[in-house]
PDB file of all heavy atoms in Angstrom:
ATOM      1  N   ASN A   1       0.837  -1.192   0.000  1.00  0.00           N
ATOM      2  CA  ASN A   1       0.000   0.000   0.000  1.00  0.00           C
ATOM      3  C   ASN A   1       0.879   1.251   0.000  1.00  0.00           C
ATOM      4  O   ASN A   1       1.852   1.332   0.758  1.00  0.00           O
ATOM      5  CB  ASN A   1      -0.913   0.024   1.217  1.00  0.00           C
ATOM      6  CG  ASN A   1      -2.016  -1.005   1.128  1.00  0.00           C
ATOM      7  OD1 ASN A   1      -2.366  -1.458   0.044  1.00  0.00           O
ATOM      8  ND2 ASN A   1      -2.579  -1.375   2.260  1.00  0.00           N
ATOM      9  N   CYS A   2       0.536   2.225  -0.834  1.00  0.00           N
ATOM     10  CA  CYS A   2       1.359   3.424  -0.928  1.00  0.00           C
ATOM     11  C   CYS A   2       0.488   4.665  -1.061  1.00  0.00           C
ATOM     12  O   CYS A   2      -0.692   4.582  -1.414  1.00  0.00           O
ATOM     13  CB  CYS A   2       2.322   3.328  -2.116  1.00  0.00           C
ATOM     14  SG  CYS A   2       1.515   3.196  -3.727  1.00  0.00           S
ATOM     15  N   ILE A   3       1.086   5.830  -0.760  1.00  0.00           N
ATOM     16  CA  ILE A   3       0.430   7.114  -0.968  1.00  0.00           C
ATOM     17  C   ILE A   3       1.411   8.060  -1.655  1.00  0.00           C
ATOM     18  O   ILE A   3       2.626   7.840  -1.643  1.00  0.00           O
ATOM     19  CB  ILE A   3      -0.087   7.751   0.343  1.00  0.00           C
ATOM     20  CG1 ILE A   3       1.073   8.089   1.276  1.00  0.00           C
ATOM     21  CG2 ILE A   3      -1.096   6.860   1.028  1.00  0.00           C
ATOM     22  CD1 ILE A   3       0.657   8.901   2.503  1.00  0.00           C
ATOM     23  N   ILE A   4       0.856   9.116  -2.258  1.00  0.00           N
ATOM     24  CA  ILE A   4       1.652  10.172  -2.887  1.00  0.00           C
ATOM     25  C   ILE A   4       1.405  11.472  -2.129  1.00  0.00           C
ATOM     26  O   ILE A   4       0.258  11.797  -1.803  1.00  0.00           O
ATOM     27  CB  ILE A   4       1.248  10.376  -4.359  1.00  0.00           C
ATOM     28  CG1 ILE A   4       1.434   9.093  -5.160  1.00  0.00           C
ATOM     29  CG2 ILE A   4       2.052  11.512  -4.993  1.00  0.00           C
ATOM     30  CD1 ILE A   4       0.784   9.151  -6.552  1.00  0.00           C
ATOM     31  N   ILE A   5       2.493  12.210  -1.839  1.00  0.00           N
ATOM     32  CA  ILE A   5       2.362  13.541  -1.228  1.00  0.00           C
ATOM     33  C   ILE A   5       3.147  14.514  -2.084  1.00  0.00           C
ATOM     34  O   ILE A   5       4.387  14.470  -2.125  1.00  0.00           O
ATOM     35  CB  ILE A   5       2.887  13.568   0.222  1.00  0.00           C
ATOM     36  CG1 ILE A   5       2.267  12.450   1.069  1.00  0.00           C
ATOM     37  CG2 ILE A   5       2.606  14.921   0.860  1.00  0.00           C
ATOM     38  CD1 ILE A   5       2.865  12.332   2.460  1.00  0.00           C
ATOM     39  N   ASP A   6       2.450  15.387  -2.783  1.00  0.00           N
ATOM     40  CA  ASP A   6       3.097  16.331  -3.699  1.00  0.00           C
ATOM     41  C   ASP A   6       2.092  17.439  -3.999  1.00  0.00           C
ATOM     42  O   ASP A   6       0.920  17.160  -4.272  1.00  0.00           O
ATOM     43  CB  ASP A   6       3.514  15.613  -4.985  1.00  0.00           C
ATOM     44  CG  ASP A   6       4.536  16.408  -5.801  1.00  0.00           C
ATOM     45  OD1 ASP A   6       4.443  17.655  -5.820  1.00  0.00           O
ATOM     46  OD2 ASP A   6       5.403  15.780  -6.424  1.00  0.00           O
ATOM     47  N   ASP A   7       2.559  18.680  -3.963  1.00  0.00           N
ATOM     48  CA  ASP A   7       1.644  19.784  -4.238  1.00  0.00           C
ATOM     49  C   ASP A   7       1.512  20.088  -5.728  1.00  0.00           C
ATOM     50  O   ASP A   7       0.731  20.960  -6.116  1.00  0.00           O
ATOM     51  CB  ASP A   7       2.090  21.045  -3.488  1.00  0.00           C
ATOM     52  CG  ASP A   7       3.444  21.563  -3.969  1.00  0.00           C
ATOM     53  OD1 ASP A   7       4.335  20.722  -4.212  1.00  0.00           O
ATOM     54  OD2 ASP A   7       3.604  22.792  -4.101  1.00  0.00           O
ATOM     55  N   ASP A   8       2.265  19.364  -6.565  1.00  0.00           N
ATOM     56  CA  ASP A   8       2.214  19.579  -8.003  1.00  0.00           C
ATOM     57  C   ASP A   8       1.295  18.542  -8.657  1.00  0.00           C
ATOM     58  O   ASP A   8       1.569  17.333  -8.599  1.00  0.00           O
ATOM     59  CB  ASP A   8       3.624  19.484  -8.596  1.00  0.00           C
ATOM     60  CG  ASP A   8       3.639  19.767 -10.077  1.00  0.00           C
ATOM     61  OD1 ASP A   8       3.477  20.922 -10.476  1.00  0.00           O
ATOM     62  OD2 ASP A   8       3.786  18.794 -10.853  1.00  0.00           O
ATOM     63  N   LYS A   9       0.201  19.011  -9.272  1.00  0.00           N
ATOM     64  CA  LYS A   9      -0.791  18.100  -9.834  1.00  0.00           C
ATOM     65  C   LYS A   9      -0.221  17.241 -10.962  1.00  0.00           C
ATOM     66  O   LYS A   9      -0.563  16.058 -11.083  1.00  0.00           O
ATOM     67  CB  LYS A   9      -2.002  18.887 -10.334  1.00  0.00           C
ATOM     68  CG  LYS A   9      -2.805  19.540  -9.219  1.00  0.00           C
ATOM     69  CD  LYS A   9      -4.023  20.268  -9.769  1.00  0.00           C
ATOM     70  CE  LYS A   9      -4.833  20.896  -8.644  1.00  0.00           C
ATOM     71  NZ  LYS A   9      -6.038  21.607  -9.155  1.00  0.00           N
ATOM     72  N   LEU A  10       0.647  17.815 -11.789  1.00  0.00           N
ATOM     73  CA  LEU A  10       1.237  17.055 -12.891  1.00  0.00           C
ATOM     74  C   LEU A  10       2.107  15.920 -12.363  1.00  0.00           C
ATOM     75  O   LEU A  10       2.045  14.795 -12.861  1.00  0.00           O
ATOM     76  CB  LEU A  10       2.053  17.978 -13.795  1.00  0.00           C
ATOM     77  CG  LEU A  10       2.766  17.289 -14.975  1.00  0.00           C
ATOM     78  CD1 LEU A  10       1.752  16.593 -15.878  1.00  0.00           C
ATOM     79  CD2 LEU A  10       3.603  18.308 -15.760  1.00  0.00           C
ATOM     80  N   SER A  11       2.904  16.207 -11.341  1.00  0.00           N
ATOM     81  CA  SER A  11       3.754  15.170 -10.743  1.00  0.00           C
ATOM     82  C   SER A  11       2.908  14.034 -10.172  1.00  0.00           C
ATOM     83  O   SER A  11       3.250  12.860 -10.303  1.00  0.00           O
ATOM     84  CB  SER A  11       4.632  15.769  -9.639  1.00  0.00           C
ATOM     85  OG  SER A  11       5.556  16.673 -10.166  1.00  0.00           O
ATOM     86  N   ILE A  12       1.814  14.382  -9.535  1.00  0.00           N
ATOM     87  CA  ILE A  12       0.926  13.363  -8.987  1.00  0.00           C
ATOM     88  C   ILE A  12       0.339  12.505 -10.094  1.00  0.00           C
ATOM     89  O   ILE A  12       0.289  11.267  -9.977  1.00  0.00           O
ATOM     90  CB  ILE A  12      -0.196  14.016  -8.148  1.00  0.00           C
ATOM     91  CG1 ILE A  12       0.374  14.463  -6.796  1.00  0.00           C
ATOM     92  CG2 ILE A  12      -1.359  13.033  -7.925  1.00  0.00           C
ATOM     93  CD1 ILE A  12      -0.657  14.986  -5.829  1.00  0.00           C
ATOM     94  N   ARG A  13      -0.063  13.125 -11.190  1.00  0.00           N
ATOM     95  CA  ARG A  13      -0.638  12.350 -12.299  1.00  0.00           C
ATOM     96  C   ARG A  13       0.386  11.377 -12.881  1.00  0.00           C
ATOM     97  O   ARG A  13       0.059  10.240 -13.206  1.00  0.00           O
ATOM     98  CB  ARG A  13      -1.160  13.287 -13.389  1.00  0.00           C
ATOM     99  CG  ARG A  13      -2.473  13.954 -13.045  1.00  0.00           C
ATOM    100  CD  ARG A  13      -3.211  14.430 -14.292  1.00  0.00           C
ATOM    101  NE  ARG A  13      -2.440  15.415 -15.038  1.00  0.00           N
ATOM    102  CZ  ARG A  13      -2.525  16.725 -14.847  1.00  0.00           C
ATOM    103  NH1 ARG A  13      -3.336  17.211 -13.918  1.00  0.00           N
ATOM    104  NH2 ARG A  13      -1.806  17.550 -15.573  1.00  0.00           N
ATOM    105  N   VAL A  14       1.637  11.824 -13.008  1.00  0.00           N
ATOM    106  CA  VAL A  14       2.696  10.950 -13.523  1.00  0.00           C
ATOM    107  C   VAL A  14       2.919   9.762 -12.590  1.00  0.00           C
ATOM    108  O   VAL A  14       2.988   8.604 -13.025  1.00  0.00           O
ATOM    109  CB  VAL A  14       4.011  11.737 -13.701  1.00  0.00           C
ATOM    110  CG1 VAL A  14       5.164  10.795 -14.012  1.00  0.00           C
ATOM    111  CG2 VAL A  14       3.868  12.769 -14.821  1.00  0.00           C
ATOM    112  N   LEU A  15       2.999  10.039 -11.297  1.00  0.00           N
ATOM    113  CA  LEU A  15       3.206   8.958 -10.320  1.00  0.00           C
ATOM    114  C   LEU A  15       2.020   8.000 -10.300  1.00  0.00           C
ATOM    115  O   LEU A  15       2.197   6.777 -10.197  1.00  0.00           O
ATOM    116  CB  LEU A  15       3.444   9.535  -8.929  1.00  0.00           C
ATOM    117  CG  LEU A  15       4.833  10.104  -8.665  1.00  0.00           C
ATOM    118  CD1 LEU A  15       4.892  10.763  -7.301  1.00  0.00           C
ATOM    119  CD2 LEU A  15       5.896   9.022  -8.776  1.00  0.00           C
ATOM    120  N   GLU A  16       0.821   8.536 -10.377  1.00  0.00           N
ATOM    121  CA  GLU A  16      -0.368   7.674 -10.390  1.00  0.00           C
ATOM    122  C   GLU A  16      -0.346   6.738 -11.600  1.00  0.00           C
ATOM    123  O   GLU A  16      -0.714   5.558 -11.488  1.00  0.00           O
ATOM    124  CB  GLU A  16      -1.634   8.535 -10.405  1.00  0.00           C
ATOM    125  CG  GLU A  16      -1.917   9.202  -9.071  1.00  0.00           C
ATOM    126  CD  GLU A  16      -3.116  10.130  -9.121  1.00  0.00           C
ATOM    127  OE1 GLU A  16      -3.510  10.539 -10.241  1.00  0.00           O
ATOM    128  OE2 GLU A  16      -3.664  10.464  -8.043  1.00  0.00           O
ATOM    129  N   GLU A  17       0.114   7.242 -12.736  1.00  0.00           N
ATOM    130  CA  GLU A  17       0.212   6.391 -13.924  1.00  0.00           C
ATOM    131  C   GLU A  17       1.274   5.318 -13.734  1.00  0.00           C
ATOM    132  O   GLU A  17       1.061   4.150 -14.078  1.00  0.00           O
ATOM    133  CB  GLU A  17       0.550   7.249 -15.150  1.00  0.00           C
ATOM    134  CG  GLU A  17       0.632   6.444 -16.439  1.00  0.00           C
ATOM    135  CD  GLU A  17       0.996   7.298 -17.641  1.00  0.00           C
ATOM    136  OE1 GLU A  17       0.996   8.538 -17.516  1.00  0.00           O
ATOM    137  OE2 GLU A  17       1.312   6.721 -18.703  1.00  0.00           O
ATOM    138  N   PHE A  18       2.436   5.687 -13.178  1.00  0.00           N
ATOM    139  CA  PHE A  18       3.502   4.708 -12.924  1.00  0.00           C
ATOM    140  C   PHE A  18       3.021   3.618 -11.965  1.00  0.00           C
ATOM    141  O   PHE A  18       3.265   2.426 -12.176  1.00  0.00           O
ATOM    142  CB  PHE A  18       4.727   5.403 -12.325  1.00  0.00           C
ATOM    143  CG  PHE A  18       5.546   6.216 -13.304  1.00  0.00           C
ATOM    144  CD1 PHE A  18       6.605   6.999 -12.864  1.00  0.00           C
ATOM    145  CD2 PHE A  18       5.261   6.201 -14.661  1.00  0.00           C
ATOM    146  CE1 PHE A  18       7.359   7.747 -13.745  1.00  0.00           C
ATOM    147  CE2 PHE A  18       6.008   6.945 -15.562  1.00  0.00           C
ATOM    148  CZ  PHE A  18       7.063   7.726 -15.101  1.00  0.00           C
ATOM    149  N   ILE A  19       2.341   4.030 -10.905  1.00  0.00           N
ATOM    150  CA  ILE A  19       1.866   3.076  -9.900  1.00  0.00           C
ATOM    151  C   ILE A  19       0.827   2.133 -10.493  1.00  0.00           C
ATOM    152  O   ILE A  19       0.819   0.932 -10.199  1.00  0.00           O
ATOM    153  CB  ILE A  19       1.300   3.823  -8.676  1.00  0.00           C
ATOM    154  CG1 ILE A  19       2.431   4.531  -7.925  1.00  0.00           C
ATOM    155  CG2 ILE A  19       0.564   2.863  -7.728  1.00  0.00           C
ATOM    156  CD1 ILE A  19       1.958   5.509  -6.867  1.00  0.00           C
ATOM    157  N   SER A  20      -0.032   2.658 -11.353  1.00  0.00           N
ATOM    158  CA  SER A  20      -1.077   1.820 -11.966  1.00  0.00           C
ATOM    159  C   SER A  20      -0.480   0.722 -12.843  1.00  0.00           C
ATOM    160  O   SER A  20      -1.096  -0.317 -13.044  1.00  0.00           O
ATOM    161  CB  SER A  20      -2.033   2.684 -12.796  1.00  0.00           C
ATOM    162  OG  SER A  20      -1.398   3.185 -13.962  1.00  0.00           O
ATOM    163  N   LYS A  21       0.732   0.937 -13.348  1.00  0.00           N
ATOM    164  CA  LYS A  21       1.406  -0.056 -14.192  1.00  0.00           C
ATOM    165  C   LYS A  21       2.235  -1.044 -13.384  1.00  0.00           C
ATOM    166  O   LYS A  21       2.799  -1.985 -13.943  1.00  0.00           O
ATOM    167  CB  LYS A  21       2.314   0.637 -15.219  1.00  0.00           C
ATOM    168  CG  LYS A  21       1.593   1.490 -16.223  1.00  0.00           C
ATOM    169  CD  LYS A  21       2.494   1.873 -17.393  1.00  0.00           C
ATOM    170  CE  LYS A  21       3.630   2.762 -16.975  1.00  0.00           C
ATOM    171  NZ  LYS A  21       4.406   3.249 -18.153  1.00  0.00           N
ATOM    172  N   THR A  22       2.309  -0.826 -12.076  1.00  0.00           N
ATOM    173  CA  THR A  22       3.185  -1.635 -11.225  1.00  0.00           C
ATOM    174  C   THR A  22       2.332  -2.521 -10.324  1.00  0.00           C
ATOM    175  O   THR A  22       1.727  -2.049  -9.353  1.00  0.00           O
ATOM    176  CB  THR A  22       4.096  -0.718 -10.378  1.00  0.00           C
ATOM    177  OG1 THR A  22       4.732   0.228 -11.239  1.00  0.00           O
ATOM    178  CG2 THR A  22       5.156  -1.542  -9.652  1.00  0.00           C
ATOM    179  N   GLU A  23       2.263  -3.814 -10.639  1.00  0.00           N
ATOM    180  CA  GLU A  23       1.325  -4.722  -9.969  1.00  0.00           C
ATOM    181  C   GLU A  23       1.566  -4.861  -8.473  1.00  0.00           C
ATOM    182  O   GLU A  23       0.642  -5.137  -7.719  1.00  0.00           O
ATOM    183  CB  GLU A  23       1.376  -6.103 -10.629  1.00  0.00           C
ATOM    184  CG  GLU A  23       0.820  -6.116 -12.046  1.00  0.00           C
ATOM    185  CD  GLU A  23       0.782  -7.516 -12.628  1.00  0.00           C
ATOM    186  OE1 GLU A  23       1.274  -8.449 -11.952  1.00  0.00           O
ATOM    187  OE2 GLU A  23       0.275  -7.673 -13.748  1.00  0.00           O
ATOM    188  N   CYS A  24       2.800  -4.683  -8.046  1.00  0.00           N
ATOM    189  CA  CYS A  24       3.098  -4.882  -6.622  1.00  0.00           C
ATOM    190  C   CYS A  24       2.709  -3.682  -5.764  1.00  0.00           C
ATOM    191  O   CYS A  24       2.863  -3.723  -4.540  1.00  0.00           O
ATOM    192  CB  CYS A  24       4.581  -5.200  -6.432  1.00  0.00           C
ATOM    193  SG  CYS A  24       5.687  -3.906  -7.044  1.00  0.00           S
ATOM    194  N   LEU A  25       2.211  -2.600  -6.370  1.00  0.00           N
ATOM    195  CA  LEU A  25       1.829  -1.408  -5.624  1.00  0.00           C
ATOM    196  C   LEU A  25       0.315  -1.205  -5.648  1.00  0.00           C
ATOM    197  O   LEU A  25      -0.332  -1.460  -6.664  1.00  0.00           O
ATOM    198  CB  LEU A  25       2.506  -0.164  -6.205  1.00  0.00           C
ATOM    199  CG  LEU A  25       4.022  -0.095  -6.112  1.00  0.00           C
ATOM    200  CD1 LEU A  25       4.532   1.188  -6.759  1.00  0.00           C
ATOM    201  CD2 LEU A  25       4.503  -0.188  -4.678  1.00  0.00           C
ATOM    202  N   ASN A  26      -0.211  -0.728  -4.529  1.00  0.00           N
ATOM    203  CA  ASN A  26      -1.631  -0.413  -4.414  1.00  0.00           C
ATOM    204  C   ASN A  26      -1.758   1.007  -3.873  1.00  0.00           C
ATOM    205  O   ASN A  26      -1.475   1.270  -2.707  1.00  0.00           O
ATOM    206  CB  ASN A  26      -2.321  -1.405  -3.473  1.00  0.00           C
ATOM    207  CG  ASN A  26      -3.785  -1.055  -3.256  1.00  0.00           C
ATOM    208  OD1 ASN A  26      -4.486  -0.693  -4.192  1.00  0.00           O
ATOM    209  ND2 ASN A  26      -4.239  -1.155  -2.014  1.00  0.00           N
ATOM    210  N   LEU A  27      -2.158   1.941  -4.747  1.00  0.00           N
ATOM    211  CA  LEU A  27      -2.281   3.340  -4.342  1.00  0.00           C
ATOM    212  C   LEU A  27      -3.564   3.534  -3.532  1.00  0.00           C
ATOM    213  O   LEU A  27      -4.662   3.283  -4.018  1.00  0.00           O
ATOM    214  CB  LEU A  27      -2.304   4.241  -5.577  1.00  0.00           C
ATOM    215  CG  LEU A  27      -2.390   5.747  -5.307  1.00  0.00           C
ATOM    216  CD1 LEU A  27      -1.157   6.236  -4.562  1.00  0.00           C
ATOM    217  CD2 LEU A  27      -2.573   6.514  -6.613  1.00  0.00           C
ATOM    218  N   VAL A  28      -3.408   4.011  -2.293  1.00  0.00           N
ATOM    219  CA  VAL A  28      -4.576   4.212  -1.425  1.00  0.00           C
ATOM    220  C   VAL A  28      -4.887   5.680  -1.197  1.00  0.00           C
ATOM    221  O   VAL A  28      -5.895   6.003  -0.563  1.00  0.00           O
ATOM    222  CB  VAL A  28      -4.388   3.497  -0.067  1.00  0.00           C
ATOM    223  CG1 VAL A  28      -4.315   1.992  -0.257  1.00  0.00           C
ATOM    224  CG2 VAL A  28      -3.143   4.005   0.668  1.00  0.00           C
ATOM    225  N   GLY A  29      -4.039   6.587  -1.724  1.00  0.00           N
ATOM    226  CA  GLY A  29      -4.345   8.007  -1.555  1.00  0.00           C
ATOM    227  C   GLY A  29      -3.305   8.911  -2.184  1.00  0.00           C
ATOM    228  O   GLY A  29      -2.117   8.584  -2.209  1.00  0.00           O
ATOM    229  N   SER A  30      -3.764  10.054  -2.718  1.00  0.00           N
ATOM    230  CA  SER A  30      -2.880  11.101  -3.231  1.00  0.00           C
ATOM    231  C   SER A  30      -3.218  12.391  -2.496  1.00  0.00           C
ATOM    232  O   SER A  30      -4.393  12.757  -2.384  1.00  0.00           O
ATOM    233  CB  SER A  30      -3.079  11.289  -4.745  1.00  0.00           C
ATOM    234  OG  SER A  30      -2.712  10.134  -5.462  1.00  0.00           O
ATOM    235  N   PHE A  31      -2.178  13.084  -2.004  1.00  0.00           N
ATOM    236  CA  PHE A  31      -2.405  14.262  -1.176  1.00  0.00           C
ATOM    237  C   PHE A  31      -1.567  15.431  -1.680  1.00  0.00           C
ATOM    238  O   PHE A  31      -0.383  15.289  -1.954  1.00  0.00           O
ATOM    239  CB  PHE A  31      -2.031  13.968   0.287  1.00  0.00           C
ATOM    240  CG  PHE A  31      -2.804  12.818   0.882  1.00  0.00           C
ATOM    241  CD1 PHE A  31      -2.312  11.521   0.815  1.00  0.00           C
ATOM    242  CD2 PHE A  31      -4.025  13.041   1.487  1.00  0.00           C
ATOM    243  CE1 PHE A  31      -3.024  10.462   1.348  1.00  0.00           C
ATOM    244  CE2 PHE A  31      -4.746  11.982   2.031  1.00  0.00           C
ATOM    245  CZ  PHE A  31      -4.249  10.688   1.956  1.00  0.00           C
ATOM    246  N   TYR A  32      -2.209  16.599  -1.796  1.00  0.00           N
ATOM    247  CA  TYR A  32      -1.508  17.816  -2.181  1.00  0.00           C
ATOM    248  C   TYR A  32      -0.903  18.510  -0.971  1.00  0.00           C
ATOM    249  O   TYR A  32      -0.161  19.464  -1.114  1.00  0.00           O
ATOM    250  CB  TYR A  32      -2.469  18.769  -2.888  1.00  0.00           C
ATOM    251  CG  TYR A  32      -3.036  18.215  -4.174  1.00  0.00           C
ATOM    252  CD1 TYR A  32      -4.374  17.870  -4.277  1.00  0.00           C
ATOM    253  CD2 TYR A  32      -2.219  18.016  -5.283  1.00  0.00           C
ATOM    254  CE1 TYR A  32      -4.893  17.358  -5.457  1.00  0.00           C
ATOM    255  CE2 TYR A  32      -2.725  17.495  -6.468  1.00  0.00           C
ATOM    256  CZ  TYR A  32      -4.067  17.167  -6.540  1.00  0.00           C
ATOM    257  OH  TYR A  32      -4.566  16.647  -7.705  1.00  0.00           O
ATOM    258  N   SER A  33      -1.210  18.020   0.220  1.00  0.00           N
ATOM    259  CA  SER A  33      -0.740  18.635   1.464  1.00  0.00           C
ATOM    260  C   SER A  33      -0.189  17.562   2.401  1.00  0.00           C
ATOM    261  O   SER A  33      -0.819  16.522   2.612  1.00  0.00           O
ATOM    262  CB  SER A  33      -1.895  19.372   2.156  1.00  0.00           C
ATOM    263  OG  SER A  33      -1.627  19.606   3.516  1.00  0.00           O
ATOM    264  N   ALA A  34       0.995  17.820   2.972  1.00  0.00           N
ATOM    265  CA  ALA A  34       1.588  16.884   3.929  1.00  0.00           C
ATOM    266  C   ALA A  34       0.749  16.800   5.200  1.00  0.00           C
ATOM    267  O   ALA A  34       0.681  15.754   5.841  1.00  0.00           O
ATOM    268  CB  ALA A  34       3.014  17.324   4.266  1.00  0.00           C
ATOM    269  N   VAL A  35       0.086  17.915   5.555  1.00  0.00           N
ATOM    270  CA  VAL A  35      -0.753  17.932   6.758  1.00  0.00           C
ATOM    271  C   VAL A  35      -1.920  16.955   6.596  1.00  0.00           C
ATOM    272  O   VAL A  35      -2.234  16.169   7.502  1.00  0.00           O
ATOM    273  CB  VAL A  35      -1.274  19.355   7.035  1.00  0.00           C
ATOM    274  CG1 VAL A  35      -2.258  19.340   8.206  1.00  0.00           C
ATOM    275  CG2 VAL A  35      -0.108  20.292   7.317  1.00  0.00           C
ATOM    276  N   LYS A  36      -2.575  16.973   5.435  1.00  0.00           N
ATOM    277  CA  LYS A  36      -3.675  16.056   5.192  1.00  0.00           C
ATOM    278  C   LYS A  36      -3.187  14.605   5.171  1.00  0.00           C
ATOM    279  O   LYS A  36      -3.893  13.700   5.631  1.00  0.00           O
ATOM    280  CB  LYS A  36      -4.366  16.399   3.878  1.00  0.00           C
ATOM    281  CG  LYS A  36      -5.139  17.710   3.916  1.00  0.00           C
ATOM    282  CD  LYS A  36      -5.844  17.985   2.601  1.00  0.00           C
ATOM    283  CE  LYS A  36      -6.637  19.279   2.671  1.00  0.00           C
ATOM    284  NZ  LYS A  36      -7.315  19.584   1.380  1.00  0.00           N
ATOM    285  N   ALA A  37      -1.990  14.403   4.672  1.00  0.00           N
ATOM    286  CA  ALA A  37      -1.430  13.044   4.642  1.00  0.00           C
ATOM    287  C   ALA A  37      -1.184  12.522   6.054  1.00  0.00           C
ATOM    288  O   ALA A  37      -1.437  11.348   6.348  1.00  0.00           O
ATOM    289  CB  ALA A  37      -0.126  13.032   3.841  1.00  0.00           C
ATOM    290  N   ILE A  38      -0.715  13.386   6.940  1.00  0.00           N
ATOM    291  CA  ILE A  38      -0.493  12.977   8.334  1.00  0.00           C
ATOM    292  C   ILE A  38      -1.807  12.563   8.981  1.00  0.00           C
ATOM    293  O   ILE A  38      -1.872  11.546   9.692  1.00  0.00           O
ATOM    294  CB  ILE A  38       0.175  14.118   9.132  1.00  0.00           C
ATOM    295  CG1 ILE A  38       1.634  14.271   8.706  1.00  0.00           C
ATOM    296  CG2 ILE A  38       0.097  13.847  10.630  1.00  0.00           C
ATOM    297  CD1 ILE A  38       2.342  15.425   9.358  1.00  0.00           C
ATOM    298  N   ASN A  39      -2.851  13.334   8.750  1.00  0.00           N
ATOM    299  CA  ASN A  39      -4.162  12.977   9.310  1.00  0.00           C
ATOM    300  C   ASN A  39      -4.613  11.612   8.807  1.00  0.00           C
ATOM    301  O   ASN A  39      -5.200  10.822   9.564  1.00  0.00           O
ATOM    302  CB  ASN A  39      -5.193  14.046   8.933  1.00  0.00           C
ATOM    303  CG  ASN A  39      -4.922  15.376   9.611  1.00  0.00           C
ATOM    304  OD1 ASN A  39      -4.328  15.415  10.692  1.00  0.00           O
ATOM    305  ND2 ASN A  39      -5.345  16.470   8.987  1.00  0.00           N
ATOM    306  N   TYR A  40      -4.336  11.330   7.540  1.00  0.00           N
ATOM    307  CA  TYR A  40      -4.712  10.020   6.984  1.00  0.00           C
ATOM    308  C   TYR A  40      -3.880   8.906   7.612  1.00  0.00           C
ATOM    309  O   TYR A  40      -4.416   7.854   8.004  1.00  0.00           O
ATOM    310  CB  TYR A  40      -4.514  10.024   5.470  1.00  0.00           C
ATOM    311  CG  TYR A  40      -4.794   8.690   4.821  1.00  0.00           C
ATOM    312  CD1 TYR A  40      -6.090   8.318   4.478  1.00  0.00           C
ATOM    313  CD2 TYR A  40      -3.766   7.784   4.564  1.00  0.00           C
ATOM    314  CE1 TYR A  40      -6.358   7.086   3.889  1.00  0.00           C
ATOM    315  CE2 TYR A  40      -4.014   6.555   3.975  1.00  0.00           C
ATOM    316  CZ  TYR A  40      -5.313   6.214   3.641  1.00  0.00           C
ATOM    317  OH  TYR A  40      -5.569   4.994   3.070  1.00  0.00           O
ATOM    318  N   LEU A  41      -2.579   9.120   7.737  1.00  0.00           N
ATOM    319  CA  LEU A  41      -1.695   8.088   8.287  1.00  0.00           C
ATOM    320  C   LEU A  41      -2.002   7.790   9.743  1.00  0.00           C
ATOM    321  O   LEU A  41      -1.763   6.679  10.218  1.00  0.00           O
ATOM    322  CB  LEU A  41      -0.230   8.512   8.128  1.00  0.00           C
ATOM    323  CG  LEU A  41       0.299   8.538   6.692  1.00  0.00           C
ATOM    324  CD1 LEU A  41       1.671   9.201   6.636  1.00  0.00           C
ATOM    325  CD2 LEU A  41       0.383   7.123   6.118  1.00  0.00           C
ATOM    326  N   ASN A  42      -2.501   8.750  10.473  1.00  0.00           N
ATOM    327  CA  ASN A  42      -2.884   8.520  11.870  1.00  0.00           C
ATOM    328  C   ASN A  42      -4.073   7.563  11.990  1.00  0.00           C
ATOM    329  O   ASN A  42      -4.304   6.977  13.047  1.00  0.00           O
ATOM    330  CB  ASN A  42      -3.227   9.843  12.557  1.00  0.00           C
ATOM    331  CG  ASN A  42      -1.993  10.669  12.857  1.00  0.00           C
ATOM    332  OD1 ASN A  42      -0.897  10.120  13.008  1.00  0.00           O
ATOM    333  ND2 ASN A  42      -2.148  11.984  12.946  1.00  0.00           N
TER     334      ASN A  42
END
């Protein structure tokens, strides 16, 4: 299980595409803010 934390929308889209092609990864969330990511990880 993995998440992305990046404030750049283009970078997130690129990573989401890479992750979708990688069978061993399961994307559970993308966050534009590190603060929101911390709340999720808690």
